[in-house]
């Protein structure tokens, strides 16, 4: 059995050996936020009534897809806003209570 000279030397000298470094993660920091947004920003958004059922229209496919994308983006934005309002107020202030 033969050992490489550099490997033997690095483990024999205390200054050259690799010591494990013990680190502990810093404690979590909680910051209390006392400022609330203005009342007009915490007002629940009004959802539009939408298109009544039974109506028909001839819309080209690219325009129809653009309208669908706009409606989906609007719904996502309103949902995000309602979650933010709920975070500042109570559980779900913008949703009507379940019967």
PDB file of N, CA and C in Angstrom:
ATOM      1  N   UNK A   1       0.845  -1.173   0.000  1.00  0.00           N
ATOM      2  CA  UNK A   1       0.000   0.000   0.000  1.00  0.00           C
ATOM      3  C   UNK A   1       0.891   1.237   0.000  1.00  0.00           C
ATOM      4  N   UNK A   2       0.630   2.112  -0.894  1.00  0.00           N
ATOM      5  CA  UNK A   2       1.400   3.346  -0.903  1.00  0.00           C
ATOM      6  C   UNK A   2       0.447   4.527  -0.837  1.00  0.00           C
ATOM      7  N   UNK A   3       0.841   5.608  -0.198  1.00  0.00           N
ATOM      8  CA  UNK A   3       0.028   6.798   0.035  1.00  0.00           C
ATOM      9  C   UNK A   3       0.693   7.958  -0.677  1.00  0.00           C
ATOM     10  N   UNK A   4      -0.128   8.767  -1.299  1.00  0.00           N
ATOM     11  CA  UNK A   4       0.398   9.944  -1.985  1.00  0.00           C
ATOM     12  C   UNK A   4       1.026  10.888  -0.965  1.00  0.00           C
ATOM     13  N   UNK A   5       2.189  11.449  -1.272  1.00  0.00           N
ATOM     14  CA  UNK A   5       2.882  12.297  -0.297  1.00  0.00           C
ATOM     15  C   UNK A   5       2.064  13.515   0.115  1.00  0.00           C
ATOM     16  N   UNK A   6       1.380  14.127  -0.793  1.00  0.00           N
ATOM     17  CA  UNK A   6       0.609  15.331  -0.463  1.00  0.00           C
ATOM     18  C   UNK A   6      -0.557  15.029   0.446  1.00  0.00           C
ATOM     19  N   UNK A   7      -1.193  13.879   0.244  1.00  0.00           N
ATOM     20  CA  UNK A   7      -2.330  13.490   1.068  1.00  0.00           C
ATOM     21  C   UNK A   7      -1.894  13.212   2.493  1.00  0.00           C
ATOM     22  N   UNK A   8      -0.763  12.525   2.647  1.00  0.00           N
ATOM     23  CA  UNK A   8      -0.246  12.217   3.971  1.00  0.00           C
ATOM     24  C   UNK A   8       0.186  13.494   4.681  1.00  0.00           C
ATOM     25  N   UNK A   9       0.818  14.397   3.958  1.00  0.00           N
ATOM     26  CA  UNK A   9       1.302  15.628   4.549  1.00  0.00           C
ATOM     27  C   UNK A   9       0.142  16.504   5.014  1.00  0.00           C
ATOM     28  N   UNK A  10      -0.937  16.599   4.217  1.00  0.00           N
ATOM     29  CA  UNK A  10      -2.029  17.496   4.589  1.00  0.00           C
ATOM     30  C   UNK A  10      -2.808  16.984   5.789  1.00  0.00           C
ATOM     31  N   UNK A  11      -2.789  15.686   6.046  1.00  0.00           N
ATOM     32  CA  UNK A  11      -3.492  15.182   7.218  1.00  0.00           C
ATOM     33  C   UNK A  11      -2.594  15.115   8.440  1.00  0.00           C
ATOM     34  N   UNK A  12      -1.292  15.163   8.244  1.00  0.00           N
ATOM     35  CA  UNK A  12      -0.369  15.069   9.374  1.00  0.00           C
ATOM     36  C   UNK A  12      -0.162  16.414  10.044  1.00  0.00           C
ATOM     37  N   UNK A  13      -0.206  17.493   9.317  1.00  0.00           N
ATOM     38  CA  UNK A  13       0.020  18.811   9.890  1.00  0.00           C
ATOM     39  C   UNK A  13      -1.319  19.418  10.326  1.00  0.00           C
ATOM     40  N   UNK A  14      -1.418  19.864  11.562  1.00  0.00           N
ATOM     41  CA  UNK A  14      -2.697  20.375  12.043  1.00  0.00           C
ATOM     42  C   UNK A  14      -3.163  21.628  11.294  1.00  0.00           C
ATOM     43  N   UNK A  15      -2.267  22.445  10.815  1.00  0.00           N
ATOM     44  CA  UNK A  15      -2.658  23.664  10.123  1.00  0.00           C
ATOM     45  C   UNK A  15      -3.202  23.422   8.735  1.00  0.00           C
ATOM     46  N   UNK A  16      -2.910  22.269   8.167  1.00  0.00           N
ATOM     47  CA  UNK A  16      -3.339  21.978   6.807  1.00  0.00           C
ATOM     48  C   UNK A  16      -4.600  21.128   6.739  1.00  0.00           C
ATOM     49  N   UNK A  17      -5.027  20.584   7.847  1.00  0.00           N
ATOM     50  CA  UNK A  17      -6.207  19.725   7.801  1.00  0.00           C
ATOM     51  C   UNK A  17      -7.461  20.584   7.697  1.00  0.00           C
ATOM     52  N   UNK A  18      -8.477  20.023   7.130  1.00  0.00           N
ATOM     53  CA  UNK A  18      -9.749  20.736   6.962  1.00  0.00           C
ATOM     54  C   UNK A  18     -10.643  20.429   8.146  1.00  0.00           C
ATOM     55  N   UNK A  19     -10.897  21.441   8.939  1.00  0.00           N
ATOM     56  CA  UNK A  19     -11.750  21.266  10.102  1.00  0.00           C
ATOM     57  C   UNK A  19     -13.190  21.569   9.696  1.00  0.00           C
ATOM     58  N   UNK A  20     -14.122  20.776  10.157  1.00  0.00           N
ATOM     59  CA  UNK A  20     -15.518  21.081   9.839  1.00  0.00           C
ATOM     60  C   UNK A  20     -15.944  22.368  10.546  1.00  0.00           C
ATOM     61  N   UNK A  21     -16.656  23.180   9.838  1.00  0.00           N
ATOM     62  CA  UNK A  21     -17.128  24.446  10.379  1.00  0.00           C
ATOM     63  C   UNK A  21     -18.565  24.252  10.829  1.00  0.00           C
ATOM     64  N   UNK A  22     -18.804  24.520  12.084  1.00  0.00           N
ATOM     65  CA  UNK A  22     -20.153  24.397  12.609  1.00  0.00           C
ATOM     66  C   UNK A  22     -20.824  25.763  12.546  1.00  0.00           C
ATOM     67  N   UNK A  23     -21.895  25.831  11.805  1.00  0.00           N
ATOM     68  CA  UNK A  23     -22.625  27.085  11.694  1.00  0.00           C
ATOM     69  C   UNK A  23     -24.070  26.844  12.097  1.00  0.00           C
ATOM     70  N   UNK A  24     -24.634  27.827  12.693  1.00  0.00           N
ATOM     71  CA  UNK A  24     -26.055  27.773  13.020  1.00  0.00           C
ATOM     72  C   UNK A  24     -26.734  28.883  12.245  1.00  0.00           C
ATOM     73  N   UNK A  25     -27.920  28.613  11.711  1.00  0.00           N
ATOM     74  CA  UNK A  25     -28.610  29.665  10.961  1.00  0.00           C
ATOM     75  C   UNK A  25     -29.029  30.790  11.900  1.00  0.00           C
ATOM     76  N   UNK A  26     -29.089  31.990  11.382  1.00  0.00           N
ATOM     77  CA  UNK A  26     -29.498  33.106  12.235  1.00  0.00           C
ATOM     78  C   UNK A  26     -30.962  32.933  12.646  1.00  0.00           C
ATOM     79  N   UNK A  27     -31.342  33.462  13.785  1.00  0.00           N
ATOM     80  CA  UNK A  27     -32.735  33.324  14.210  1.00  0.00           C
ATOM     81  C   UNK A  27     -33.657  34.117  13.273  1.00  0.00           C
ATOM     82  N   UNK A  28     -34.888  33.669  13.092  1.00  0.00           N
ATOM     83  CA  UNK A  28     -35.801  34.407  12.225  1.00  0.00           C
ATOM     84  C   UNK A  28     -36.133  35.773  12.837  1.00  0.00           C
ATOM     85  N   UNK A  29     -36.356  36.724  11.982  1.00  0.00           N
ATOM     86  CA  UNK A  29     -36.656  38.076  12.424  1.00  0.00           C
ATOM     87  C   UNK A  29     -38.115  38.372  12.080  1.00  0.00           C
ATOM     88  N   UNK A  30     -38.882  38.734  13.062  1.00  0.00           N
ATOM     89  CA  UNK A  30     -40.277  39.104  12.851  1.00  0.00           C
ATOM     90  C   UNK A  30     -40.404  40.605  13.044  1.00  0.00           C
ATOM     91  N   UNK A  31     -40.981  41.247  12.072  1.00  0.00           N
ATOM     92  CA  UNK A  31     -41.161  42.694  12.128  1.00  0.00           C
ATOM     93  C   UNK A  31     -42.646  42.970  12.161  1.00  0.00           C
ATOM     94  N   UNK A  32     -43.091  43.651  13.182  1.00  0.00           N
ATOM     95  CA  UNK A  32     -44.505  43.993  13.285  1.00  0.00           C
ATOM     96  C   UNK A  32     -44.771  45.236  12.440  1.00  0.00           C
ATOM     97  N   UNK A  33     -45.747  45.135  11.563  1.00  0.00           N
ATOM     98  CA  UNK A  33     -46.103  46.249  10.700  1.00  0.00           C
ATOM     99  C   UNK A  33     -47.341  46.901  11.288  1.00  0.00           C
ATOM    100  N   UNK A  34     -47.214  48.146  11.615  1.00  0.00           N
ATOM    101  CA  UNK A  34     -48.348  48.854  12.224  1.00  0.00           C
ATOM    102  C   UNK A  34     -49.066  49.749  11.232  1.00  0.00           C
ATOM    103  N   UNK A  35     -48.440  50.006  10.118  1.00  0.00           N
ATOM    104  CA  UNK A  35     -49.077  50.866   9.124  1.00  0.00           C
ATOM    105  C   UNK A  35     -50.064  50.049   8.310  1.00  0.00           C
ATOM    106  N   UNK A  36     -51.232  50.583   8.117  1.00  0.00           N
ATOM    107  CA  UNK A  36     -52.212  49.929   7.252  1.00  0.00           C
ATOM    108  C   UNK A  36     -52.406  50.815   6.025  1.00  0.00           C
ATOM    109  N   UNK A  37     -52.729  50.207   4.905  1.00  0.00           N
ATOM    110  CA  UNK A  37     -52.959  51.008   3.707  1.00  0.00           C
ATOM    111  C   UNK A  37     -54.178  51.915   3.882  1.00  0.00           C
ATOM    112  N   UNK A  38     -54.289  52.934   3.049  1.00  0.00           N
ATOM    113  CA  UNK A  38     -55.460  53.807   3.109  1.00  0.00           C
ATOM    114  C   UNK A  38     -56.742  53.009   2.858  1.00  0.00           C
ATOM    115  N   UNK A  39     -57.862  53.534   3.366  1.00  0.00           N
ATOM    116  CA  UNK A  39     -59.145  52.827   3.288  1.00  0.00           C
ATOM    117  C   UNK A  39     -59.569  52.551   1.842  1.00  0.00           C
ATOM    118  N   UNK A  40     -59.262  53.469   0.923  1.00  0.00           N
ATOM    119  CA  UNK A  40     -59.686  53.244  -0.463  1.00  0.00           C
ATOM    120  C   UNK A  40     -58.956  52.070  -1.103  1.00  0.00           C
ATOM    121  N   UNK A  41     -57.755  51.719  -0.594  1.00  0.00           N
ATOM    122  CA  UNK A  41     -57.039  50.564  -1.123  1.00  0.00           C
ATOM    123  C   UNK A  41     -57.531  49.252  -0.513  1.00  0.00           C
ATOM    124  N   UNK A  42     -58.238  49.336   0.612  1.00  0.00           N
ATOM    125  CA  UNK A  42     -58.768  48.137   1.253  1.00  0.00           C
ATOM    126  C   UNK A  42     -60.239  47.908   0.918  1.00  0.00           C
ATOM    127  N   UNK A  43     -60.756  48.683   0.008  1.00  0.00           N
ATOM    128  CA  UNK A  43     -62.148  48.500  -0.414  1.00  0.00           C
ATOM    129  C   UNK A  43     -62.220  47.329  -1.388  1.00  0.00           C
ATOM    130  N   UNK A  44     -63.214  46.479  -1.208  1.00  0.00           N
ATOM    131  CA  UNK A  44     -63.355  45.308  -2.066  1.00  0.00           C
ATOM    132  C   UNK A  44     -63.669  45.732  -3.500  1.00  0.00           C
ATOM    133  N   UNK A  45     -63.031  45.097  -4.475  1.00  0.00           N
ATOM    134  CA  UNK A  45     -63.285  45.450  -5.876  1.00  0.00           C
ATOM    135  C   UNK A  45     -64.676  44.968  -6.310  1.00  0.00           C
ATOM    136  N   UNK A  46     -65.263  45.719  -7.216  1.00  0.00           N
ATOM    137  CA  UNK A  46     -66.572  45.350  -7.751  1.00  0.00           C
ATOM    138  C   UNK A  46     -66.354  44.484  -8.987  1.00  0.00           C
ATOM    139  N   UNK A  47     -66.937  43.321  -8.964  1.00  0.00           N
ATOM    140  CA  UNK A  47     -66.824  42.419 -10.113  1.00  0.00           C
ATOM    141  C   UNK A  47     -67.939  42.751 -11.098  1.00  0.00           C
ATOM    142  N   UNK A  48     -67.635  42.769 -12.380  1.00  0.00           N
ATOM    143  CA  UNK A  48     -68.685  43.044 -13.367  1.00  0.00           C
ATOM    144  C   UNK A  48     -69.664  41.879 -13.453  1.00  0.00           C
ATOM    145  N   UNK A  49     -70.861  42.184 -13.933  1.00  0.00           N
ATOM    146  CA  UNK A  49     -71.907  41.163 -14.022  1.00  0.00           C
ATOM    147  C   UNK A  49     -71.577  40.111 -15.069  1.00  0.00           C
ATOM    148  N   UNK A  50     -70.855  40.460 -16.076  1.00  0.00           N
ATOM    149  CA  UNK A  50     -70.508  39.502 -17.120  1.00  0.00           C
ATOM    150  C   UNK A  50     -71.513  39.538 -18.258  1.00  0.00           C
ATOM    151  N   UNK A  51     -71.354  38.635 -19.183  1.00  0.00           N
ATOM    152  CA  UNK A  51     -72.240  38.577 -20.351  1.00  0.00           C
ATOM    153  C   UNK A  51     -73.399  37.655 -20.022  1.00  0.00           C
ATOM    154  N   UNK A  52     -74.630  38.105 -20.259  1.00  0.00           N
ATOM    155  CA  UNK A  52     -75.779  37.247 -19.968  1.00  0.00           C
ATOM    156  C   UNK A  52     -75.762  35.979 -20.821  1.00  0.00           C
ATOM    157  N   UNK A  53     -76.257  34.907 -20.257  1.00  0.00           N
ATOM    158  CA  UNK A  53     -76.309  33.633 -20.981  1.00  0.00           C
ATOM    159  C   UNK A  53     -77.333  33.726 -22.103  1.00  0.00           C
ATOM    160  N   UNK A  54     -77.089  33.037 -23.164  1.00  0.00           N
ATOM    161  CA  UNK A  54     -78.036  33.005 -24.276  1.00  0.00           C
ATOM    162  C   UNK A  54     -77.703  33.978 -25.391  1.00  0.00           C
ATOM    163  N   UNK A  55     -76.772  34.891 -25.174  1.00  0.00           N
ATOM    164  CA  UNK A  55     -76.382  35.810 -26.238  1.00  0.00           C
ATOM    165  C   UNK A  55     -75.362  35.120 -27.128  1.00  0.00           C
ATOM    166  N   UNK A  56     -75.385  35.474 -28.387  1.00  0.00           N
ATOM    167  CA  UNK A  56     -74.405  34.910 -29.296  1.00  0.00           C
ATOM    168  C   UNK A  56     -73.799  36.023 -30.136  1.00  0.00           C
ATOM    169  N   UNK A  57     -72.572  35.821 -30.520  1.00  0.00           N
ATOM    170  CA  UNK A  57     -71.870  36.790 -31.352  1.00  0.00           C
ATOM    171  C   UNK A  57     -70.866  36.035 -32.207  1.00  0.00           C
ATOM    172  N   UNK A  58     -70.522  36.635 -33.302  1.00  0.00           N
ATOM    173  CA  UNK A  58     -69.524  36.040 -34.171  1.00  0.00           C
ATOM    174  C   UNK A  58     -68.225  36.815 -33.973  1.00  0.00           C
ATOM    175  N   UNK A  59     -67.304  36.214 -33.255  1.00  0.00           N
ATOM    176  CA  UNK A  59     -66.024  36.855 -32.947  1.00  0.00           C
ATOM    177  C   UNK A  59     -64.921  36.002 -33.549  1.00  0.00           C
ATOM    178  N   UNK A  60     -64.018  36.610 -34.301  1.00  0.00           N
ATOM    179  CA  UNK A  60     -62.907  35.827 -34.860  1.00  0.00           C
ATOM    180  C   UNK A  60     -62.085  35.171 -33.748  1.00  0.00           C
ATOM    181  N   UNK A  61     -61.505  34.033 -34.050  1.00  0.00           N
ATOM    182  CA  UNK A  61     -60.768  33.248 -33.052  1.00  0.00           C
ATOM    183  C   UNK A  61     -59.662  34.034 -32.350  1.00  0.00           C
ATOM    184  N   UNK A  62     -58.824  34.824 -33.055  1.00  0.00           N
ATOM    185  CA  UNK A  62     -57.779  35.571 -32.333  1.00  0.00           C
ATOM    186  C   UNK A  62     -58.365  36.597 -31.358  1.00  0.00           C
ATOM    187  N   UNK A  63     -59.447  37.265 -31.754  1.00  0.00           N
ATOM    188  CA  UNK A  63     -60.076  38.250 -30.868  1.00  0.00           C
ATOM    189  C   UNK A  63     -60.733  37.551 -29.681  1.00  0.00           C
ATOM    190  N   UNK A  64     -61.347  36.396 -29.923  1.00  0.00           N
ATOM    191  CA  UNK A  64     -61.978  35.645 -28.843  1.00  0.00           C
ATOM    192  C   UNK A  64     -60.926  35.200 -27.824  1.00  0.00           C
ATOM    193  N   UNK A  65     -59.793  34.713 -28.303  1.00  0.00           N
ATOM    194  CA  UNK A  65     -58.730  34.287 -27.384  1.00  0.00           C
ATOM    195  C   UNK A  65     -58.181  35.477 -26.600  1.00  0.00           C
ATOM    196  N   UNK A  66     -58.054  36.631 -27.233  1.00  0.00           N
ATOM    197  CA  UNK A  66     -57.577  37.825 -26.524  1.00  0.00           C
ATOM    198  C   UNK A  66     -58.569  38.229 -25.427  1.00  0.00           C
ATOM    199  N   UNK A  67     -59.869  38.131 -25.699  1.00  0.00           N
ATOM    200  CA  UNK A  67     -60.877  38.453 -24.689  1.00  0.00           C
ATOM    201  C   UNK A  67     -60.831  37.459 -23.529  1.00  0.00           C
ATOM    202  N   UNK A  68     -60.634  36.192 -23.844  1.00  0.00           N
ATOM    203  CA  UNK A  68     -60.530  35.178 -22.793  1.00  0.00           C
ATOM    204  C   UNK A  68     -59.298  35.438 -21.927  1.00  0.00           C
ATOM    205  N   UNK A  69     -58.169  35.792 -22.554  1.00  0.00           N
ATOM    206  CA  UNK A  69     -56.949  36.089 -21.803  1.00  0.00           C
ATOM    207  C   UNK A  69     -57.128  37.315 -20.902  1.00  0.00           C
ATOM    208  N   UNK A  70     -57.807  38.346 -21.416  1.00  0.00           N
ATOM    209  CA  UNK A  70     -58.066  39.541 -20.606  1.00  0.00           C
ATOM    210  C   UNK A  70     -58.947  39.208 -19.403  1.00  0.00           C
ATOM    211  N   UNK A  71     -59.984  38.412 -19.631  1.00  0.00           N
ATOM    212  CA  UNK A  71     -60.880  38.045 -18.535  1.00  0.00           C
ATOM    213  C   UNK A  71     -60.143  37.219 -17.482  1.00  0.00           C
ATOM    214  N   UNK A  72     -59.292  36.303 -17.905  1.00  0.00           N
ATOM    215  CA  UNK A  72     -58.533  35.487 -16.954  1.00  0.00           C
ATOM    216  C   UNK A  72     -57.551  36.344 -16.158  1.00  0.00           C
ATOM    217  N   UNK A  73     -56.904  37.302 -16.822  1.00  0.00           N
ATOM    218  CA  UNK A  73     -55.971  38.188 -16.124  1.00  0.00           C
ATOM    219  C   UNK A  73     -56.713  39.074 -15.126  1.00  0.00           C
ATOM    220  N   UNK A  74     -57.898  39.554 -15.506  1.00  0.00           N
ATOM    221  CA  UNK A  74     -58.697  40.388 -14.604  1.00  0.00           C
ATOM    222  C   UNK A  74     -59.108  39.580 -13.377  1.00  0.00           C
ATOM    223  N   UNK A  75     -59.545  38.345 -13.593  1.00  0.00           N
ATOM    224  CA  UNK A  75     -59.954  37.508 -12.470  1.00  0.00           C
ATOM    225  C   UNK A  75     -58.772  37.236 -11.542  1.00  0.00           C
ATOM    226  N   UNK A  76     -57.613  36.965 -12.094  1.00  0.00           N
ATOM    227  CA  UNK A  76     -56.428  36.708 -11.287  1.00  0.00           C
ATOM    228  C   UNK A  76     -56.057  37.945 -10.473  1.00  0.00           C
ATOM    229  N   UNK A  77     -56.137  39.114 -11.070  1.00  0.00           N
ATOM    230  CA  UNK A  77     -55.803  40.359 -10.376  1.00  0.00           C
ATOM    231  C   UNK A  77     -56.792  40.643  -9.253  1.00  0.00           C
ATOM    232  N   UNK A  78     -58.070  40.442  -9.517  1.00  0.00           N
ATOM    233  CA  UNK A  78     -59.085  40.677  -8.484  1.00  0.00           C
ATOM    234  C   UNK A  78     -58.915  39.686  -7.343  1.00  0.00           C
ATOM    235  N   UNK A  79     -58.630  38.425  -7.653  1.00  0.00           N
ATOM    236  CA  UNK A  79     -58.402  37.433  -6.603  1.00  0.00           C
ATOM    237  C   UNK A  79     -57.199  37.808  -5.745  1.00  0.00           C
ATOM    238  N   UNK A  80     -56.138  38.280  -6.378  1.00  0.00           N
ATOM    239  CA  UNK A  80     -54.943  38.693  -5.643  1.00  0.00           C
ATOM    240  C   UNK A  80     -55.260  39.885  -4.744  1.00  0.00           C
ATOM    241  N   UNK A  81     -56.018  40.838  -5.260  1.00  0.00           N
ATOM    242  CA  UNK A  81     -56.386  42.007  -4.467  1.00  0.00           C
ATOM    243  C   UNK A  81     -57.251  41.609  -3.282  1.00  0.00           C
ATOM    244  N   UNK A  82     -58.183  40.684  -3.494  1.00  0.00           N
ATOM    245  CA  UNK A  82     -59.033  40.237  -2.394  1.00  0.00           C
ATOM    246  C   UNK A  82     -58.227  39.494  -1.328  1.00  0.00           C
ATOM    247  N   UNK A  83     -57.230  38.727  -1.742  1.00  0.00           N
ATOM    248  CA  UNK A  83     -56.373  38.061  -0.764  1.00  0.00           C
ATOM    249  C   UNK A  83     -55.574  39.079   0.050  1.00  0.00           C
ATOM    250  N   UNK A  84     -55.092  40.126  -0.609  1.00  0.00           N
ATOM    251  CA  UNK A  84     -54.354  41.175   0.098  1.00  0.00           C
ATOM    252  C   UNK A  84     -55.260  41.901   1.082  1.00  0.00           C
ATOM    253  N   UNK A  85     -56.478  42.202   0.678  1.00  0.00           N
ATOM    254  CA  UNK A  85     -57.436  42.863   1.574  1.00  0.00           C
ATOM    255  C   UNK A  85     -57.744  41.943   2.750  1.00  0.00           C
ATOM    256  N   UNK A  86     -57.926  40.647   2.468  1.00  0.00           N
ATOM    257  CA  UNK A  86     -58.183  39.691   3.541  1.00  0.00           C
ATOM    258  C   UNK A  86     -57.022  39.571   4.503  1.00  0.00           C
ATOM    259  N   UNK A  87     -55.802  39.731   4.013  1.00  0.00           N
ATOM    260  CA  UNK A  87     -54.622  39.668   4.867  1.00  0.00           C
ATOM    261  C   UNK A  87     -54.608  40.848   5.834  1.00  0.00           C
ATOM    262  N   UNK A  88     -55.090  42.008   5.380  1.00  0.00           N
ATOM    263  CA  UNK A  88     -55.101  43.196   6.231  1.00  0.00           C
ATOM    264  C   UNK A  88     -56.317  43.237   7.141  1.00  0.00           C
ATOM    265  N   UNK A  89     -57.404  42.622   6.738  1.00  0.00           N
ATOM    266  CA  UNK A  89     -58.631  42.681   7.544  1.00  0.00           C
ATOM    267  C   UNK A  89     -58.866  41.372   8.274  1.00  0.00           C
ATOM    268  N   UNK A  90     -59.738  40.578   7.735  1.00  0.00           N
ATOM    269  CA  UNK A  90     -60.059  39.286   8.357  1.00  0.00           C
ATOM    270  C   UNK A  90     -59.927  38.203   7.295  1.00  0.00           C
ATOM    271  N   UNK A  91     -60.507  37.048   7.520  1.00  0.00           N
ATOM    272  CA  UNK A  91     -60.318  35.902   6.642  1.00  0.00           C
ATOM    273  C   UNK A  91     -60.659  36.198   5.175  1.00  0.00           C
ATOM    274  N   UNK A  92     -61.886  36.463   4.856  1.00  0.00           N
ATOM    275  CA  UNK A  92     -62.303  36.749   3.476  1.00  0.00           C
ATOM    276  C   UNK A  92     -63.390  37.816   3.481  1.00  0.00           C
ATOM    277  N   UNK A  93     -63.052  39.082   3.677  1.00  0.00           N
ATOM    278  CA  UNK A  93     -64.080  40.110   3.812  1.00  0.00           C
ATOM    279  C   UNK A  93     -64.830  40.422   2.521  1.00  0.00           C
ATOM    280  N   UNK A  94     -64.261  40.080   1.369  1.00  0.00           N
ATOM    281  CA  UNK A  94     -64.881  40.453   0.102  1.00  0.00           C
ATOM    282  C   UNK A  94     -65.842  39.385  -0.413  1.00  0.00           C
ATOM    283  N   UNK A  95     -65.748  38.205   0.112  1.00  0.00           N
ATOM    284  CA  UNK A  95     -66.617  37.120  -0.364  1.00  0.00           C
ATOM    285  C   UNK A  95     -67.901  37.112   0.452  1.00  0.00           C
ATOM    286  N   UNK A  96     -69.020  36.858  -0.183  1.00  0.00           N
ATOM    287  CA  UNK A  96     -70.264  36.778   0.601  1.00  0.00           C
ATOM    288  C   UNK A  96     -70.234  35.532   1.489  1.00  0.00           C
ATOM    289  N   UNK A  97     -70.833  35.598   2.656  1.00  0.00           N
ATOM    290  CA  UNK A  97     -70.817  34.432   3.540  1.00  0.00           C
ATOM    291  C   UNK A  97     -71.597  33.271   2.935  1.00  0.00           C
ATOM    292  N   UNK A  98     -71.144  32.076   3.205  1.00  0.00           N
ATOM    293  CA  UNK A  98     -71.818  30.877   2.667  1.00  0.00           C
ATOM    294  C   UNK A  98     -73.149  30.671   3.395  1.00  0.00           C
ATOM    295  N   UNK A  99     -74.196  30.266   2.657  1.00  0.00           N
ATOM    296  CA  UNK A  99     -75.505  30.081   3.307  1.00  0.00           C
ATOM    297  C   UNK A  99     -75.548  28.861   4.206  1.00  0.00           C
TER     298      UNK A  99
END
